[in-house]
Amino acid sequence: MFRGNDVSVDSTLLQILLILFVLFSYSDYLTIMSTRRRAREIALQVLYQFDLNPSAISVDYKPFLYARLQEPASVIFSKALVEGVSTHKQQIDNVLDQRSEHWRVNRMATTDRAVLRLAVFELACSDTPGPVVVDEGIELARRYGSAHSAPFVSGILGRCLDDREILQKELQGNEHPADA
């Protein structure tokens, strides 16, 4: 069918097509991850506000989500995180108290506390790979917290990741769809 140099041209074309497929697939992956990262950031901002101003919990935060997030799937994911953390806050705080050395949740920096609550909920109640959740938590701490936040969050989330199955049992008594 192909003779001589035609085969090398055809295999080069196949290689180019394969590379383009991988690049577009990777691009789609990055888009999904960046939209989920943005949804986590917005959820963190809502949780931070709730922590600083408990009366804000009664205010409808959904317009804030819709204003900040462009895609409905991101809004749904962010809303699931906020509602899940709010619903399981006491259980999450108990988990954090057990896994943090010499730190009570109420003594933690507000940003660190919000990041940890968000990540613990996602670890316990979603199918997101554990290392991804931990990395996202560390990145949020690095971006929004102090210079000491990322290592602090990393240490606690590392312990939580080791106990992920236990966390899932503790928090999933009331099933909550964080991956909606």
N, C-alpha and C. Protein backbone atom coordinates (compact mmCIF):
# COMPACT_ATOMS: atom_id res chain seq x y z
N MET A 1 0.81 -1.18 0.00
CA MET A 1 0.00 0.00 0.00
C MET A 1 0.87 1.27 0.00
N PHE A 2 1.80 1.37 0.97
CA PHE A 2 2.71 2.51 1.00
C PHE A 2 4.09 2.04 0.60
N ARG A 3 4.76 2.86 -0.15
CA ARG A 3 6.10 2.48 -0.59
C ARG A 3 7.09 3.55 -0.17
N GLY A 4 8.25 3.11 0.17
CA GLY A 4 9.36 4.03 0.42
C GLY A 4 9.07 5.03 1.52
N ASN A 5 9.21 6.32 1.19
CA ASN A 5 9.08 7.40 2.16
C ASN A 5 7.64 7.64 2.62
N ASP A 6 6.66 7.09 1.89
CA ASP A 6 5.27 7.26 2.29
C ASP A 6 5.03 6.72 3.70
N VAL A 7 5.70 5.62 4.07
CA VAL A 7 5.50 5.01 5.37
C VAL A 7 5.99 5.94 6.46
N SER A 8 7.15 6.59 6.27
CA SER A 8 7.67 7.49 7.29
C SER A 8 6.78 8.73 7.43
N VAL A 9 6.24 9.22 6.31
CA VAL A 9 5.33 10.36 6.38
C VAL A 9 4.08 9.96 7.14
N ASP A 10 3.57 8.75 6.84
CA ASP A 10 2.37 8.28 7.50
C ASP A 10 2.61 8.08 9.00
N SER A 11 3.74 7.52 9.40
CA SER A 11 4.02 7.31 10.82
C SER A 11 4.28 8.65 11.52
N THR A 12 4.86 9.60 10.83
CA THR A 12 5.05 10.93 11.40
C THR A 12 3.69 11.60 11.63
N LEU A 13 2.80 11.46 10.67
CA LEU A 13 1.46 12.01 10.82
C LEU A 13 0.75 11.35 12.00
N LEU A 14 0.90 10.04 12.14
CA LEU A 14 0.30 9.33 13.26
C LEU A 14 0.87 9.83 14.58
N GLN A 15 2.17 10.05 14.64
CA GLN A 15 2.79 10.57 15.86
C GLN A 15 2.26 11.96 16.20
N ILE A 16 2.10 12.80 15.19
CA ILE A 16 1.58 14.16 15.40
C ILE A 16 0.15 14.09 15.93
N LEU A 17 -0.66 13.21 15.31
CA LEU A 17 -2.03 13.07 15.77
C LEU A 17 -2.10 12.55 17.20
N LEU A 18 -1.23 11.61 17.54
CA LEU A 18 -1.18 11.09 18.90
C LEU A 18 -0.79 12.19 19.88
N ILE A 19 0.20 12.98 19.53
CA ILE A 19 0.64 14.10 20.39
C ILE A 19 -0.49 15.10 20.57
N LEU A 20 -1.19 15.44 19.48
CA LEU A 20 -2.31 16.38 19.58
C LEU A 20 -3.41 15.82 20.48
N PHE A 21 -3.71 14.53 20.35
CA PHE A 21 -4.72 13.91 21.19
C PHE A 21 -4.32 14.01 22.66
N VAL A 22 -3.06 13.69 22.96
CA VAL A 22 -2.57 13.75 24.34
C VAL A 22 -2.63 15.19 24.84
N LEU A 23 -2.19 16.14 24.03
CA LEU A 23 -2.21 17.55 24.45
C LEU A 23 -3.62 18.03 24.72
N PHE A 24 -4.56 17.71 23.84
CA PHE A 24 -5.93 18.17 24.06
C PHE A 24 -6.54 17.47 25.26
N SER A 25 -6.24 16.20 25.45
CA SER A 25 -6.75 15.50 26.62
C SER A 25 -6.15 16.11 27.88
N TYR A 26 -4.87 16.41 27.86
CA TYR A 26 -4.21 17.02 29.01
C TYR A 26 -4.76 18.42 29.24
N SER A 27 -5.02 19.13 28.15
CA SER A 27 -5.61 20.46 28.26
C SER A 27 -6.99 20.40 28.91
N ASP A 28 -7.80 19.42 28.49
CA ASP A 28 -9.11 19.24 29.10
C ASP A 28 -8.97 18.90 30.58
N TYR A 29 -7.99 18.06 30.91
CA TYR A 29 -7.74 17.69 32.30
C TYR A 29 -7.38 18.94 33.11
N LEU A 30 -6.49 19.77 32.56
CA LEU A 30 -6.10 20.99 33.27
C LEU A 30 -7.27 21.94 33.45
N THR A 31 -8.13 22.02 32.44
CA THR A 31 -9.31 22.89 32.55
C THR A 31 -10.22 22.40 33.66
N ILE A 32 -10.45 21.10 33.71
CA ILE A 32 -11.29 20.54 34.77
C ILE A 32 -10.66 20.81 36.13
N MET A 33 -9.37 20.56 36.24
CA MET A 33 -8.70 20.76 37.52
C MET A 33 -8.70 22.24 37.91
N SER A 34 -8.50 23.12 36.96
CA SER A 34 -8.46 24.54 37.31
C SER A 34 -9.86 25.03 37.71
N THR A 35 -10.92 24.49 37.10
CA THR A 35 -12.26 24.91 37.50
C THR A 35 -12.60 24.36 38.89
N ARG A 36 -12.15 23.16 39.19
CA ARG A 36 -12.38 22.60 40.54
C ARG A 36 -11.54 23.36 41.55
N ARG A 37 -10.33 23.74 41.18
CA ARG A 37 -9.49 24.53 42.09
C ARG A 37 -10.17 25.86 42.39
N ARG A 38 -10.71 26.49 41.36
CA ARG A 38 -11.41 27.76 41.55
C ARG A 38 -12.66 27.56 42.42
N ALA A 39 -13.37 26.47 42.23
CA ALA A 39 -14.54 26.18 43.05
C ALA A 39 -14.14 25.99 44.51
N ARG A 40 -12.99 25.35 44.75
CA ARG A 40 -12.50 25.19 46.12
C ARG A 40 -12.14 26.55 46.72
N GLU A 41 -11.53 27.40 45.94
CA GLU A 41 -11.17 28.74 46.43
C GLU A 41 -12.40 29.52 46.85
N ILE A 42 -13.43 29.47 46.04
CA ILE A 42 -14.66 30.19 46.35
C ILE A 42 -15.34 29.57 47.58
N ALA A 43 -15.35 28.26 47.67
CA ALA A 43 -15.91 27.59 48.86
C ALA A 43 -15.12 28.01 50.10
N LEU A 44 -13.80 28.08 49.97
CA LEU A 44 -12.96 28.52 51.09
C LEU A 44 -13.34 29.93 51.53
N GLN A 45 -13.57 30.82 50.58
CA GLN A 45 -13.94 32.20 50.92
C GLN A 45 -15.27 32.24 51.68
N VAL A 46 -16.22 31.43 51.26
CA VAL A 46 -17.52 31.38 51.95
C VAL A 46 -17.33 30.83 53.37
N LEU A 47 -16.58 29.74 53.49
CA LEU A 47 -16.35 29.14 54.81
C LEU A 47 -15.59 30.08 55.73
N TYR A 48 -14.65 30.81 55.19
CA TYR A 48 -13.90 31.81 55.96
C TYR A 48 -14.85 32.88 56.48
N GLN A 49 -15.74 33.35 55.63
CA GLN A 49 -16.73 34.35 56.03
C GLN A 49 -17.65 33.80 57.12
N PHE A 50 -18.10 32.57 56.97
CA PHE A 50 -18.96 31.95 57.98
C PHE A 50 -18.24 31.85 59.32
N ASP A 51 -16.95 31.55 59.27
CA ASP A 51 -16.17 31.39 60.50
C ASP A 51 -15.99 32.74 61.20
N LEU A 52 -15.73 33.78 60.44
CA LEU A 52 -15.53 35.10 61.04
C LEU A 52 -16.84 35.75 61.47
N ASN A 53 -17.89 35.46 60.73
CA ASN A 53 -19.18 36.09 60.99
C ASN A 53 -20.28 35.02 60.97
N PRO A 54 -20.48 34.33 62.10
CA PRO A 54 -21.45 33.24 62.12
C PRO A 54 -22.86 33.64 61.70
N SER A 55 -23.22 34.91 61.85
CA SER A 55 -24.56 35.33 61.42
C SER A 55 -24.69 35.31 59.90
N ALA A 56 -23.55 35.27 59.19
CA ALA A 56 -23.58 35.22 57.72
C ALA A 56 -24.10 33.89 57.21
N ILE A 57 -24.12 32.87 58.07
CA ILE A 57 -24.61 31.56 57.65
C ILE A 57 -26.06 31.64 57.21
N SER A 58 -26.81 32.53 57.82
CA SER A 58 -28.22 32.66 57.47
C SER A 58 -28.44 33.43 56.16
N VAL A 59 -27.40 34.08 55.65
CA VAL A 59 -27.50 34.82 54.40
C VAL A 59 -27.29 33.85 53.23
N ASP A 60 -28.03 34.05 52.16
CA ASP A 60 -27.89 33.18 50.99
C ASP A 60 -26.56 33.49 50.28
N TYR A 61 -25.67 32.55 50.30
CA TYR A 61 -24.34 32.72 49.70
C TYR A 61 -24.31 32.30 48.22
N LYS A 62 -25.37 31.69 47.74
CA LYS A 62 -25.37 31.17 46.37
C LYS A 62 -25.15 32.24 45.31
N PRO A 63 -25.71 33.45 45.45
CA PRO A 63 -25.40 34.49 44.45
C PRO A 63 -23.90 34.78 44.35
N PHE A 64 -23.20 34.68 45.49
CA PHE A 64 -21.75 34.86 45.49
C PHE A 64 -21.09 33.78 44.64
N LEU A 65 -21.55 32.53 44.79
CA LEU A 65 -20.99 31.43 44.00
C LEU A 65 -21.23 31.65 42.51
N TYR A 66 -22.47 32.01 42.17
CA TYR A 66 -22.81 32.23 40.76
C TYR A 66 -22.03 33.41 40.17
N ALA A 67 -21.79 34.42 40.96
CA ALA A 67 -21.05 35.59 40.47
C ALA A 67 -19.57 35.28 40.24
N ARG A 68 -19.03 34.39 41.05
CA ARG A 68 -17.60 34.10 40.97
C ARG A 68 -17.24 32.92 40.06
N LEU A 69 -18.18 32.01 39.88
CA LEU A 69 -17.92 30.81 39.09
C LEU A 69 -18.75 30.85 37.81
N GLN A 70 -18.14 30.54 36.70
CA GLN A 70 -18.81 30.64 35.41
C GLN A 70 -19.59 29.38 35.04
N GLU A 71 -19.11 28.25 35.46
CA GLU A 71 -19.72 26.99 35.03
C GLU A 71 -20.65 26.43 36.10
N PRO A 72 -21.81 25.98 35.70
CA PRO A 72 -22.76 25.40 36.67
C PRO A 72 -22.16 24.23 37.47
N ALA A 73 -21.34 23.42 36.83
CA ALA A 73 -20.72 22.29 37.54
C ALA A 73 -19.82 22.78 38.67
N SER A 74 -19.15 23.90 38.46
CA SER A 74 -18.29 24.47 39.50
C SER A 74 -19.12 24.99 40.66
N VAL A 75 -20.25 25.61 40.33
CA VAL A 75 -21.14 26.12 41.37
C VAL A 75 -21.67 24.96 42.21
N ILE A 76 -22.07 23.89 41.55
CA ILE A 76 -22.60 22.72 42.24
C ILE A 76 -21.53 22.12 43.15
N PHE A 77 -20.30 21.99 42.64
CA PHE A 77 -19.21 21.43 43.43
C PHE A 77 -18.90 22.31 44.63
N SER A 78 -18.80 23.62 44.41
CA SER A 78 -18.51 24.56 45.49
C SER A 78 -19.61 24.54 46.55
N LYS A 79 -20.85 24.53 46.10
CA LYS A 79 -22.00 24.49 47.00
C LYS A 79 -21.98 23.21 47.83
N ALA A 80 -21.66 22.08 47.20
CA ALA A 80 -21.58 20.81 47.92
C ALA A 80 -20.51 20.85 49.00
N LEU A 81 -19.39 21.50 48.69
CA LEU A 81 -18.32 21.62 49.68
C LEU A 81 -18.76 22.48 50.86
N VAL A 82 -19.34 23.64 50.57
CA VAL A 82 -19.79 24.54 51.64
C VAL A 82 -20.84 23.87 52.51
N GLU A 83 -21.83 23.28 51.87
CA GLU A 83 -22.91 22.63 52.64
C GLU A 83 -22.40 21.42 53.41
N GLY A 84 -21.50 20.67 52.80
CA GLY A 84 -20.95 19.50 53.48
C GLY A 84 -20.13 19.87 54.70
N VAL A 85 -19.28 20.88 54.56
CA VAL A 85 -18.49 21.33 55.71
C VAL A 85 -19.43 21.88 56.78
N SER A 86 -20.42 22.66 56.39
CA SER A 86 -21.36 23.22 57.37
C SER A 86 -22.12 22.13 58.11
N THR A 87 -22.55 21.13 57.38
CA THR A 87 -23.32 20.03 57.97
C THR A 87 -22.46 19.20 58.92
N HIS A 88 -21.22 18.96 58.55
CA HIS A 88 -20.35 18.06 59.32
C HIS A 88 -19.29 18.81 60.13
N LYS A 89 -19.50 20.08 60.37
CA LYS A 89 -18.48 20.92 61.01
C LYS A 89 -18.00 20.34 62.34
N GLN A 90 -18.91 19.93 63.21
CA GLN A 90 -18.50 19.41 64.52
C GLN A 90 -17.70 18.12 64.37
N GLN A 91 -18.14 17.23 63.49
CA GLN A 91 -17.40 15.99 63.26
C GLN A 91 -16.01 16.29 62.68
N ILE A 92 -15.95 17.22 61.74
CA ILE A 92 -14.66 17.59 61.14
C ILE A 92 -13.74 18.19 62.19
N ASP A 93 -14.27 19.07 63.03
CA ASP A 93 -13.45 19.68 64.08
C ASP A 93 -12.93 18.62 65.06
N ASN A 94 -13.74 17.62 65.35
CA ASN A 94 -13.27 16.52 66.21
C ASN A 94 -12.12 15.77 65.54
N VAL A 95 -12.25 15.51 64.25
CA VAL A 95 -11.18 14.86 63.49
C VAL A 95 -9.90 15.69 63.55
N LEU A 96 -10.05 16.99 63.34
CA LEU A 96 -8.88 17.87 63.35
C LEU A 96 -8.24 17.94 64.74
N ASP A 97 -9.06 17.99 65.78
CA ASP A 97 -8.52 17.99 67.14
C ASP A 97 -7.72 16.73 67.41
N GLN A 98 -8.19 15.60 66.92
CA GLN A 98 -7.51 14.32 67.14
C GLN A 98 -6.19 14.24 66.37
N ARG A 99 -6.12 14.88 65.21
CA ARG A 99 -4.95 14.71 64.35
C ARG A 99 -3.96 15.87 64.38
N SER A 100 -4.28 16.90 65.11
CA SER A 100 -3.32 18.01 65.24
C SER A 100 -2.66 17.92 66.61
N GLU A 101 -1.35 18.04 66.60
CA GLU A 101 -0.60 17.94 67.84
C GLU A 101 -0.47 19.33 68.46
N HIS A 102 -0.87 19.44 69.71
CA HIS A 102 -0.74 20.68 70.48
C HIS A 102 -1.55 21.85 69.93
N TRP A 103 -2.53 21.56 69.09
CA TRP A 103 -3.38 22.61 68.55
C TRP A 103 -4.83 22.20 68.64
N ARG A 104 -5.62 23.05 69.23
CA ARG A 104 -7.07 22.88 69.22
C ARG A 104 -7.60 23.64 68.02
N VAL A 105 -8.68 23.20 67.45
CA VAL A 105 -9.24 23.84 66.25
C VAL A 105 -9.52 25.32 66.51
N ASN A 106 -10.04 25.63 67.68
CA ASN A 106 -10.39 27.03 67.96
C ASN A 106 -9.17 27.94 68.11
N ARG A 107 -7.98 27.38 68.24
CA ARG A 107 -6.75 28.18 68.31
C ARG A 107 -6.06 28.34 66.96
N MET A 108 -6.50 27.59 65.97
CA MET A 108 -5.88 27.66 64.63
C MET A 108 -6.24 28.98 63.96
N ALA A 109 -5.38 29.41 63.06
CA ALA A 109 -5.68 30.59 62.25
C ALA A 109 -6.94 30.31 61.44
N THR A 110 -7.76 31.32 61.26
CA THR A 110 -9.05 31.15 60.59
C THR A 110 -8.87 30.56 59.19
N THR A 111 -7.89 31.03 58.44
CA THR A 111 -7.66 30.52 57.10
C THR A 111 -7.27 29.05 57.14
N ASP A 112 -6.34 28.71 58.03
CA ASP A 112 -5.90 27.32 58.15
C ASP A 112 -7.07 26.42 58.53
N ARG A 113 -7.88 26.87 59.45
CA ARG A 113 -9.03 26.10 59.90
C ARG A 113 -10.01 25.86 58.74
N ALA A 114 -10.27 26.89 57.96
CA ALA A 114 -11.19 26.76 56.81
C ALA A 114 -10.62 25.80 55.76
N VAL A 115 -9.33 25.92 55.48
CA VAL A 115 -8.69 25.02 54.51
C VAL A 115 -8.77 23.58 55.00
N LEU A 116 -8.45 23.37 56.26
CA LEU A 116 -8.47 22.02 56.81
C LEU A 116 -9.87 21.42 56.81
N ARG A 117 -10.86 22.21 57.19
CA ARG A 117 -12.24 21.70 57.17
C ARG A 117 -12.65 21.29 55.75
N LEU A 118 -12.32 22.14 54.81
CA LEU A 118 -12.66 21.87 53.41
C LEU A 118 -12.01 20.58 52.93
N ALA A 119 -10.72 20.45 53.20
CA ALA A 119 -9.98 19.28 52.72
C ALA A 119 -10.42 18.00 53.44
N VAL A 120 -10.66 18.07 54.74
CA VAL A 120 -11.10 16.88 55.46
C VAL A 120 -12.46 16.42 54.94
N PHE A 121 -13.36 17.37 54.71
CA PHE A 121 -14.65 16.97 54.15
C PHE A 121 -14.47 16.31 52.79
N GLU A 122 -13.63 16.91 51.93
CA GLU A 122 -13.45 16.34 50.60
C GLU A 122 -12.78 14.96 50.67
N LEU A 123 -11.84 14.80 51.58
CA LEU A 123 -11.22 13.49 51.76
C LEU A 123 -12.24 12.44 52.18
N ALA A 124 -13.12 12.83 53.08
CA ALA A 124 -14.07 11.87 53.64
C ALA A 124 -15.26 11.60 52.75
N CYS A 125 -15.67 12.57 51.96
CA CYS A 125 -16.97 12.45 51.29
C CYS A 125 -16.92 12.62 49.77
N SER A 126 -15.76 12.44 49.18
CA SER A 126 -15.69 12.53 47.72
C SER A 126 -14.80 11.42 47.18
N ASP A 127 -14.86 11.28 45.86
CA ASP A 127 -14.01 10.29 45.19
C ASP A 127 -12.73 10.92 44.65
N THR A 128 -12.49 12.17 44.96
CA THR A 128 -11.27 12.83 44.53
C THR A 128 -10.09 12.09 45.14
N PRO A 129 -9.06 11.77 44.35
CA PRO A 129 -7.90 11.07 44.92
C PRO A 129 -7.31 11.84 46.11
N GLY A 130 -6.99 11.10 47.16
CA GLY A 130 -6.48 11.72 48.38
C GLY A 130 -5.30 12.64 48.18
N PRO A 131 -4.27 12.21 47.43
CA PRO A 131 -3.12 13.10 47.23
C PRO A 131 -3.50 14.42 46.53
N VAL A 132 -4.52 14.37 45.67
CA VAL A 132 -4.99 15.59 45.00
C VAL A 132 -5.62 16.52 46.03
N VAL A 133 -6.46 15.96 46.91
CA VAL A 133 -7.11 16.78 47.94
C VAL A 133 -6.06 17.43 48.84
N VAL A 134 -5.07 16.65 49.25
CA VAL A 134 -4.01 17.17 50.12
C VAL A 134 -3.24 18.27 49.40
N ASP A 135 -2.86 18.03 48.15
CA ASP A 135 -2.12 19.03 47.39
C ASP A 135 -2.94 20.31 47.22
N GLU A 136 -4.23 20.17 46.93
CA GLU A 136 -5.08 21.34 46.77
C GLU A 136 -5.19 22.12 48.09
N GLY A 137 -5.29 21.40 49.19
CA GLY A 137 -5.34 22.05 50.50
C GLY A 137 -4.06 22.82 50.80
N ILE A 138 -2.94 22.20 50.49
CA ILE A 138 -1.65 22.87 50.71
C ILE A 138 -1.54 24.12 49.84
N GLU A 139 -1.98 24.02 48.59
CA GLU A 139 -1.94 25.18 47.69
C GLU A 139 -2.84 26.31 48.19
N LEU A 140 -4.02 25.96 48.69
CA LEU A 140 -4.90 26.99 49.25
C LEU A 140 -4.26 27.65 50.47
N ALA A 141 -3.64 26.84 51.32
CA ALA A 141 -2.96 27.38 52.50
C ALA A 141 -1.80 28.28 52.09
N ARG A 142 -1.06 27.86 51.08
CA ARG A 142 0.07 28.66 50.60
C ARG A 142 -0.42 29.99 50.03
N ARG A 143 -1.53 29.93 49.31
CA ARG A 143 -2.03 31.14 48.64
C ARG A 143 -2.72 32.10 49.61
N TYR A 144 -3.51 31.58 50.55
CA TYR A 144 -4.33 32.44 51.40
C TYR A 144 -3.85 32.55 52.84
N GLY A 145 -2.97 31.66 53.27
CA GLY A 145 -2.54 31.65 54.66
C GLY A 145 -1.23 32.39 54.88
N SER A 146 -0.65 32.15 56.04
CA SER A 146 0.63 32.77 56.39
C SER A 146 1.78 31.92 55.85
N ALA A 147 2.98 32.35 56.14
CA ALA A 147 4.17 31.61 55.69
C ALA A 147 4.24 30.22 56.34
N HIS A 148 3.61 30.06 57.50
CA HIS A 148 3.65 28.79 58.21
C HIS A 148 2.45 27.89 57.91
N SER A 149 1.51 28.40 57.15
CA SER A 149 0.26 27.66 56.90
C SER A 149 0.46 26.37 56.11
N ALA A 150 1.21 26.45 55.02
CA ALA A 150 1.35 25.28 54.16
C ALA A 150 1.96 24.08 54.89
N PRO A 151 3.07 24.25 55.63
CA PRO A 151 3.60 23.08 56.35
C PRO A 151 2.64 22.58 57.45
N PHE A 152 1.97 23.50 58.12
CA PHE A 152 1.01 23.13 59.16
C PHE A 152 -0.13 22.31 58.57
N VAL A 153 -0.72 22.80 57.50
CA VAL A 153 -1.82 22.11 56.82
C VAL A 153 -1.34 20.78 56.26
N SER A 154 -0.16 20.77 55.69
CA SER A 154 0.40 19.55 55.13
C SER A 154 0.52 18.44 56.18
N GLY A 155 1.02 18.79 57.35
CA GLY A 155 1.19 17.80 58.41
C GLY A 155 -0.13 17.17 58.84
N ILE A 156 -1.13 18.03 59.04
CA ILE A 156 -2.43 17.51 59.50
C ILE A 156 -3.12 16.72 58.40
N LEU A 157 -3.09 17.25 57.18
CA LEU A 157 -3.75 16.53 56.08
C LEU A 157 -3.04 15.22 55.77
N GLY A 158 -1.74 15.16 55.98
CA GLY A 158 -1.02 13.91 55.79
C GLY A 158 -1.53 12.84 56.74
N ARG A 159 -1.77 13.22 58.00
CA ARG A 159 -2.33 12.27 58.96
C ARG A 159 -3.75 11.87 58.57
N CYS A 160 -4.51 12.84 58.09
CA CYS A 160 -5.88 12.55 57.67
C CYS A 160 -5.90 11.62 56.46
N LEU A 161 -4.97 11.83 55.54
CA LEU A 161 -4.89 10.96 54.36
C LEU A 161 -4.57 9.53 54.76
N ASP A 162 -3.68 9.38 55.74
CA ASP A 162 -3.36 8.02 56.22
C ASP A 162 -4.58 7.33 56.80
N ASP A 163 -5.51 8.11 57.35
CA ASP A 163 -6.72 7.58 57.98
C ASP A 163 -7.97 7.80 57.13
N ARG A 164 -7.82 7.89 55.83
CA ARG A 164 -8.95 8.26 54.98
C ARG A 164 -10.15 7.33 55.14
N GLU A 165 -9.92 6.04 55.23
CA GLU A 165 -11.04 5.11 55.38
C GLU A 165 -11.78 5.34 56.69
N ILE A 166 -11.06 5.65 57.74
CA ILE A 166 -11.69 5.94 59.03
C ILE A 166 -12.49 7.23 58.92
N LEU A 167 -11.92 8.24 58.27
CA LEU A 167 -12.63 9.51 58.08
C LEU A 167 -13.94 9.28 57.32
N GLN A 168 -13.87 8.48 56.29
CA GLN A 168 -15.06 8.22 55.49
C GLN A 168 -16.15 7.59 56.33
N LYS A 169 -15.79 6.66 57.20
CA LYS A 169 -16.77 6.02 58.06
C LYS A 169 -17.34 7.02 59.07
N GLU A 170 -16.48 7.87 59.63
CA GLU A 170 -16.91 8.84 60.63
C GLU A 170 -17.86 9.89 60.05
N LEU A 171 -17.58 10.37 58.86
CA LEU A 171 -18.36 11.47 58.31
C LEU A 171 -19.47 11.04 57.38
N GLN A 172 -19.43 9.85 56.85
CA GLN A 172 -20.44 9.47 55.88
C GLN A 172 -21.64 8.77 56.48
N GLY A 173 -21.85 8.95 57.78
CA GLY A 173 -23.09 8.47 58.37
C GLY A 173 -24.27 9.12 57.66
N ASN A 174 -24.09 10.39 57.29
CA ASN A 174 -25.06 11.11 56.46
C ASN A 174 -24.39 11.34 55.12
N GLU A 175 -24.73 10.55 54.17
CA GLU A 175 -24.15 10.60 52.82
C GLU A 175 -24.32 12.01 52.24
N HIS A 176 -23.23 12.58 51.71
CA HIS A 176 -23.30 13.92 51.11
C HIS A 176 -22.55 13.91 49.78
N PRO A 177 -23.16 14.30 48.69
CA PRO A 177 -22.55 14.19 47.37
C PRO A 177 -21.59 15.34 47.05
N ALA A 178 -20.34 15.21 47.44
CA ALA A 178 -19.37 16.27 47.12
C ALA A 178 -18.94 16.23 45.67
N ASP A 179 -19.19 15.13 44.99
CA ASP A 179 -18.79 15.03 43.59
C ASP A 179 -19.94 15.30 42.64
N ALA A 180 -20.99 15.91 43.14
CA ALA A 180 -22.16 16.18 42.27
C ALA A 180 -21.79 17.08 41.12
